[in-house]
């Protein structure tokens, strides 16, 4: 069974840093894209960062603070979050679009990890 395994998250004071990790487990053919979404309380889920084919894109409010990176050998994506602000508080979800055969792709979601930024 192909699935995502998230780790990281937690509580931090404003200005602090956290790193999230997300690994694809199971038999896959390739990974098309991996990214991170977040959903704050009472808010819609939004794309935070994505990496695909060597390119990356970020939500404007996290540019220059967050960095997404990918270890292809480990089928893992990371989100390094620096200079965290209270408005970054949310549940962060990993997302991956994986090819499990020449003819079939899947979109996967992680279980979500809570990031709380508060003094």
N, C-alpha and C. Protein backbone atom coordinates (compact mmCIF):
# COMPACT_ATOMS: atom_id res chain seq x y z
N UNK A 1 0.84 -1.19 0.00
CA UNK A 1 0.00 0.00 0.00
C UNK A 1 0.88 1.24 0.00
N UNK A 2 0.59 2.17 -0.89
CA UNK A 2 1.36 3.40 -0.97
C UNK A 2 0.74 4.43 -0.04
N UNK A 3 1.56 5.05 0.77
CA UNK A 3 1.05 6.07 1.68
C UNK A 3 2.13 7.06 2.03
N UNK A 4 1.72 8.14 2.69
CA UNK A 4 2.64 9.18 3.12
C UNK A 4 2.81 9.11 4.63
N UNK A 5 4.03 9.30 5.06
CA UNK A 5 4.33 9.29 6.49
C UNK A 5 4.96 10.63 6.87
N UNK A 6 4.22 11.41 7.62
CA UNK A 6 4.67 12.74 8.04
C UNK A 6 5.33 12.68 9.41
N UNK A 7 6.24 13.61 9.62
CA UNK A 7 6.83 13.80 10.94
C UNK A 7 7.24 15.25 11.08
N UNK A 8 7.47 15.65 12.32
CA UNK A 8 7.82 17.03 12.59
C UNK A 8 6.61 17.77 13.14
N UNK A 9 6.67 19.06 13.15
CA UNK A 9 5.60 19.84 13.71
C UNK A 9 5.79 20.02 15.21
N UNK A 10 4.84 20.70 15.84
CA UNK A 10 4.91 20.95 17.26
C UNK A 10 4.66 22.40 17.57
N UNK A 11 5.11 22.82 18.73
CA UNK A 11 4.90 24.18 19.19
C UNK A 11 6.22 24.94 19.24
N UNK A 12 6.17 26.20 18.84
CA UNK A 12 7.38 27.01 18.82
C UNK A 12 6.99 28.47 19.07
N UNK A 13 7.91 29.24 19.58
CA UNK A 13 7.67 30.66 19.79
C UNK A 13 7.84 31.43 18.48
N UNK A 14 7.23 32.58 18.37
CA UNK A 14 7.44 33.41 17.17
C UNK A 14 8.92 33.64 16.91
N UNK A 15 9.29 33.54 15.65
CA UNK A 15 10.69 33.68 15.28
C UNK A 15 11.45 32.37 15.26
N UNK A 16 10.84 31.33 15.77
CA UNK A 16 11.49 30.02 15.82
C UNK A 16 11.42 29.27 14.51
N UNK A 17 11.95 28.05 14.54
CA UNK A 17 12.02 27.22 13.33
C UNK A 17 11.51 25.82 13.62
N UNK A 18 10.99 25.22 12.58
CA UNK A 18 10.58 23.82 12.63
C UNK A 18 10.85 23.20 11.26
N UNK A 19 11.00 21.88 11.24
CA UNK A 19 11.14 21.17 9.97
C UNK A 19 10.15 20.03 9.92
N UNK A 20 9.42 19.99 8.82
CA UNK A 20 8.50 18.89 8.57
C UNK A 20 9.10 17.94 7.55
N UNK A 21 8.80 16.67 7.72
CA UNK A 21 9.27 15.65 6.77
C UNK A 21 8.08 14.81 6.31
N UNK A 22 8.18 14.33 5.09
CA UNK A 22 7.11 13.48 4.56
C UNK A 22 7.74 12.48 3.61
N UNK A 23 7.53 11.20 3.88
CA UNK A 23 8.12 10.16 3.06
C UNK A 23 7.03 9.33 2.39
N UNK A 24 7.27 8.97 1.14
CA UNK A 24 6.38 8.06 0.42
C UNK A 24 6.83 6.64 0.70
N UNK A 25 5.93 5.83 1.19
CA UNK A 25 6.25 4.42 1.42
C UNK A 25 5.42 3.53 0.50
N UNK A 26 5.98 2.38 0.16
CA UNK A 26 5.29 1.47 -0.75
C UNK A 26 5.96 1.46 -2.11
N UNK A 27 5.47 0.63 -2.98
CA UNK A 27 6.05 0.48 -4.31
C UNK A 27 5.47 1.51 -5.27
N UNK A 28 6.34 2.34 -5.82
CA UNK A 28 5.90 3.35 -6.78
C UNK A 28 6.81 3.33 -7.99
N UNK A 29 6.31 3.90 -9.05
CA UNK A 29 7.09 4.00 -10.28
C UNK A 29 7.90 5.28 -10.29
N UNK A 30 7.25 6.37 -9.90
CA UNK A 30 7.93 7.67 -9.83
C UNK A 30 7.05 8.64 -9.05
N UNK A 31 7.64 9.79 -8.72
CA UNK A 31 6.90 10.86 -8.04
C UNK A 31 6.84 12.06 -8.97
N UNK A 32 5.65 12.53 -9.24
CA UNK A 32 5.49 13.69 -10.12
C UNK A 32 5.69 15.01 -9.37
N UNK A 33 5.12 15.09 -8.18
CA UNK A 33 5.21 16.33 -7.41
C UNK A 33 4.97 16.02 -5.94
N UNK A 34 5.57 16.84 -5.10
CA UNK A 34 5.32 16.74 -3.66
C UNK A 34 5.19 18.15 -3.12
N UNK A 35 4.33 18.30 -2.13
CA UNK A 35 4.13 19.64 -1.59
C UNK A 35 3.52 19.62 -0.22
N UNK A 36 3.33 20.81 0.30
CA UNK A 36 2.74 20.99 1.62
C UNK A 36 1.58 21.97 1.52
N UNK A 37 0.49 21.61 2.16
CA UNK A 37 -0.67 22.47 2.31
C UNK A 37 -0.86 22.73 3.80
N UNK A 38 -1.65 23.74 4.11
CA UNK A 38 -1.99 23.97 5.50
C UNK A 38 -3.42 24.46 5.62
N UNK A 39 -3.98 24.20 6.78
CA UNK A 39 -5.34 24.66 7.05
C UNK A 39 -5.41 25.19 8.47
N UNK A 40 -5.59 26.49 8.59
CA UNK A 40 -5.76 27.11 9.88
C UNK A 40 -7.19 26.98 10.35
N UNK A 41 -7.41 27.24 11.63
CA UNK A 41 -8.74 27.12 12.21
C UNK A 41 -9.72 28.06 11.51
N UNK A 42 -10.79 27.52 10.98
CA UNK A 42 -11.79 28.32 10.31
C UNK A 42 -11.40 28.82 8.93
N UNK A 43 -10.31 28.29 8.41
CA UNK A 43 -9.81 28.74 7.10
C UNK A 43 -9.82 27.58 6.10
N UNK A 44 -9.74 27.94 4.84
CA UNK A 44 -9.63 26.92 3.80
C UNK A 44 -8.19 26.41 3.70
N UNK A 45 -8.07 25.20 3.20
CA UNK A 45 -6.74 24.64 2.99
C UNK A 45 -6.05 25.41 1.85
N UNK A 46 -4.77 25.73 2.07
CA UNK A 46 -4.03 26.48 1.06
C UNK A 46 -2.69 25.81 0.78
N UNK A 47 -2.24 25.98 -0.44
CA UNK A 47 -0.93 25.44 -0.83
C UNK A 47 0.16 26.33 -0.25
N UNK A 48 1.09 25.71 0.45
CA UNK A 48 2.20 26.44 1.05
C UNK A 48 3.43 26.40 0.16
N UNK A 49 3.78 25.21 -0.31
CA UNK A 49 4.96 25.05 -1.14
C UNK A 49 4.85 23.75 -1.92
N UNK A 50 5.44 23.76 -3.11
CA UNK A 50 5.39 22.57 -3.95
C UNK A 50 6.69 22.45 -4.73
N UNK A 51 7.11 21.23 -4.96
CA UNK A 51 8.27 20.97 -5.78
C UNK A 51 7.92 19.91 -6.83
N UNK A 52 8.29 20.23 -8.07
CA UNK A 52 7.96 19.34 -9.17
C UNK A 52 8.98 19.54 -10.28
N UNK A 53 9.57 18.46 -10.71
CA UNK A 53 10.51 18.54 -11.81
C UNK A 53 11.66 19.49 -11.59
N UNK A 54 12.08 19.63 -10.35
CA UNK A 54 13.20 20.50 -10.05
C UNK A 54 12.83 21.95 -9.78
N UNK A 55 11.59 22.31 -10.00
CA UNK A 55 11.16 23.68 -9.74
C UNK A 55 10.34 23.71 -8.45
N UNK A 56 10.29 24.89 -7.84
CA UNK A 56 9.54 25.07 -6.60
C UNK A 56 8.66 26.31 -6.70
N UNK A 57 7.64 26.33 -5.89
CA UNK A 57 6.75 27.49 -5.82
C UNK A 57 6.25 27.61 -4.39
N UNK A 58 6.00 28.85 -3.97
CA UNK A 58 5.63 29.11 -2.59
C UNK A 58 4.45 30.06 -2.50
N UNK A 59 3.71 29.92 -1.42
CA UNK A 59 2.72 30.90 -1.04
C UNK A 59 3.46 32.21 -0.76
N UNK A 60 2.91 33.32 -1.23
CA UNK A 60 3.63 34.59 -1.08
C UNK A 60 4.02 34.88 0.36
N UNK A 61 3.14 34.56 1.29
CA UNK A 61 3.38 34.93 2.69
C UNK A 61 4.50 34.12 3.35
N UNK A 62 4.96 33.05 2.70
CA UNK A 62 6.03 32.25 3.30
C UNK A 62 7.34 32.34 2.52
N UNK A 63 7.30 33.04 1.39
CA UNK A 63 8.54 33.19 0.62
C UNK A 63 9.60 33.83 1.48
N UNK A 64 10.83 33.38 1.33
CA UNK A 64 12.00 33.87 2.06
C UNK A 64 12.03 33.40 3.51
N UNK A 65 11.00 32.65 3.93
CA UNK A 65 11.01 32.08 5.29
C UNK A 65 10.98 30.56 5.27
N UNK A 66 10.26 29.99 4.30
CA UNK A 66 10.12 28.54 4.20
C UNK A 66 10.91 28.04 3.00
N UNK A 67 11.44 26.84 3.14
CA UNK A 67 12.15 26.20 2.03
C UNK A 67 11.69 24.76 1.88
N UNK A 68 11.28 24.41 0.68
CA UNK A 68 10.91 23.03 0.40
C UNK A 68 12.07 22.37 -0.32
N UNK A 69 12.35 21.13 0.08
CA UNK A 69 13.42 20.38 -0.56
C UNK A 69 13.01 18.92 -0.65
N UNK A 70 13.70 18.21 -1.50
CA UNK A 70 13.30 16.83 -1.77
C UNK A 70 14.53 15.95 -1.87
N UNK A 71 14.45 14.79 -1.24
CA UNK A 71 15.49 13.78 -1.34
C UNK A 71 14.92 12.64 -2.19
N UNK A 72 15.31 12.61 -3.44
CA UNK A 72 14.73 11.62 -4.35
C UNK A 72 15.10 10.20 -3.98
N UNK A 73 16.29 10.01 -3.41
CA UNK A 73 16.72 8.67 -3.03
C UNK A 73 15.86 8.11 -1.91
N UNK A 74 15.33 9.00 -1.08
CA UNK A 74 14.51 8.57 0.05
C UNK A 74 13.02 8.79 -0.18
N UNK A 75 12.67 9.31 -1.37
CA UNK A 75 11.26 9.63 -1.66
C UNK A 75 10.66 10.49 -0.55
N UNK A 76 11.41 11.48 -0.14
CA UNK A 76 11.03 12.31 1.00
C UNK A 76 11.09 13.79 0.63
N UNK A 77 10.13 14.53 1.15
CA UNK A 77 10.12 15.98 0.99
C UNK A 77 10.18 16.62 2.36
N UNK A 78 10.86 17.74 2.43
CA UNK A 78 11.02 18.48 3.68
C UNK A 78 10.47 19.89 3.52
N UNK A 79 10.03 20.44 4.63
CA UNK A 79 9.66 21.85 4.66
C UNK A 79 10.36 22.48 5.85
N UNK A 80 11.38 23.26 5.57
CA UNK A 80 12.08 23.99 6.61
C UNK A 80 11.37 25.32 6.80
N UNK A 81 10.91 25.56 8.01
CA UNK A 81 10.14 26.76 8.30
C UNK A 81 10.92 27.61 9.30
N UNK A 82 11.34 28.78 8.87
CA UNK A 82 12.08 29.71 9.71
C UNK A 82 11.28 30.97 9.95
N UNK A 83 11.68 31.73 10.94
CA UNK A 83 11.01 33.00 11.27
C UNK A 83 9.50 32.81 11.35
N UNK A 84 9.10 31.79 12.07
CA UNK A 84 7.68 31.47 12.15
C UNK A 84 6.89 32.58 12.83
N UNK A 85 5.67 32.75 12.36
CA UNK A 85 4.77 33.77 12.87
C UNK A 85 3.49 33.10 13.40
N UNK A 86 2.79 33.78 14.28
CA UNK A 86 1.54 33.19 14.80
C UNK A 86 0.56 32.82 13.67
N UNK A 87 0.56 33.58 12.60
CA UNK A 87 -0.36 33.28 11.49
C UNK A 87 0.05 32.04 10.70
N UNK A 88 1.19 31.47 11.01
CA UNK A 88 1.58 30.20 10.39
C UNK A 88 0.96 29.01 11.12
N UNK A 89 0.32 29.28 12.25
CA UNK A 89 -0.32 28.21 13.00
C UNK A 89 -1.38 27.53 12.16
N UNK A 90 -1.27 26.22 12.03
CA UNK A 90 -2.20 25.47 11.18
C UNK A 90 -1.85 23.98 11.26
N UNK A 91 -2.74 23.18 10.71
CA UNK A 91 -2.41 21.78 10.45
C UNK A 91 -1.79 21.72 9.06
N UNK A 92 -0.62 21.15 8.98
CA UNK A 92 0.11 21.05 7.72
C UNK A 92 -0.04 19.63 7.16
N UNK A 93 -0.40 19.59 5.88
CA UNK A 93 -0.63 18.31 5.21
C UNK A 93 0.36 18.14 4.07
N UNK A 94 0.96 16.98 4.03
CA UNK A 94 1.81 16.62 2.90
C UNK A 94 0.93 16.10 1.76
N UNK A 95 1.33 16.42 0.55
CA UNK A 95 0.61 15.96 -0.64
C UNK A 95 1.61 15.44 -1.65
N UNK A 96 1.28 14.34 -2.29
CA UNK A 96 2.17 13.80 -3.31
C UNK A 96 1.34 13.22 -4.46
N UNK A 97 1.84 13.43 -5.64
CA UNK A 97 1.24 12.82 -6.84
C UNK A 97 2.24 11.81 -7.36
N UNK A 98 1.89 10.55 -7.21
CA UNK A 98 2.84 9.48 -7.52
C UNK A 98 2.31 8.62 -8.66
N UNK A 99 3.25 8.11 -9.42
CA UNK A 99 2.89 7.18 -10.48
C UNK A 99 3.18 5.78 -9.97
N UNK A 100 2.15 4.94 -9.95
CA UNK A 100 2.35 3.58 -9.44
C UNK A 100 2.51 2.57 -10.57
N UNK A 101 2.24 3.02 -11.78
CA UNK A 101 2.49 2.20 -12.96
C UNK A 101 2.57 3.14 -14.14
N UNK A 102 2.85 2.61 -15.30
CA UNK A 102 2.93 3.45 -16.49
C UNK A 102 1.59 4.13 -16.75
N UNK A 103 0.50 3.50 -16.34
CA UNK A 103 -0.83 3.98 -16.70
C UNK A 103 -1.60 4.61 -15.56
N UNK A 104 -1.05 4.56 -14.34
CA UNK A 104 -1.87 5.00 -13.22
C UNK A 104 -1.10 5.90 -12.26
N UNK A 105 -1.74 7.03 -11.89
CA UNK A 105 -1.18 7.92 -10.87
C UNK A 105 -2.15 8.04 -9.72
N UNK A 106 -1.61 8.34 -8.56
CA UNK A 106 -2.40 8.54 -7.36
C UNK A 106 -2.07 9.89 -6.74
N UNK A 107 -3.06 10.50 -6.11
CA UNK A 107 -2.81 11.67 -5.29
C UNK A 107 -2.97 11.24 -3.84
N UNK A 108 -1.93 11.48 -3.05
CA UNK A 108 -1.90 11.04 -1.67
C UNK A 108 -1.86 12.23 -0.73
N UNK A 109 -2.45 12.03 0.44
CA UNK A 109 -2.42 13.04 1.50
C UNK A 109 -1.89 12.42 2.77
N UNK A 110 -1.08 13.18 3.49
CA UNK A 110 -0.64 12.77 4.80
C UNK A 110 -1.73 12.99 5.83
N UNK A 111 -1.48 12.53 7.04
CA UNK A 111 -2.51 12.62 8.08
C UNK A 111 -2.60 14.00 8.69
N UNK A 112 -1.62 14.84 8.43
CA UNK A 112 -1.61 16.19 8.98
C UNK A 112 -0.81 16.27 10.27
N UNK A 113 -0.10 17.36 10.41
CA UNK A 113 0.67 17.59 11.63
C UNK A 113 0.45 19.03 12.08
N UNK A 114 0.22 19.23 13.35
CA UNK A 114 -0.12 20.55 13.87
C UNK A 114 1.14 21.36 14.14
N UNK A 115 1.15 22.56 13.63
CA UNK A 115 2.20 23.54 13.93
C UNK A 115 1.55 24.70 14.67
N UNK A 116 2.05 24.98 15.86
CA UNK A 116 1.51 26.06 16.68
C UNK A 116 2.62 27.05 16.96
N UNK A 117 2.38 28.31 16.60
CA UNK A 117 3.35 29.37 16.84
C UNK A 117 2.72 30.34 17.82
N UNK A 118 3.27 30.36 19.02
CA UNK A 118 2.67 31.18 20.07
C UNK A 118 3.70 31.50 21.13
N UNK A 119 3.56 32.69 21.70
CA UNK A 119 4.44 33.05 22.81
C UNK A 119 3.83 32.68 24.14
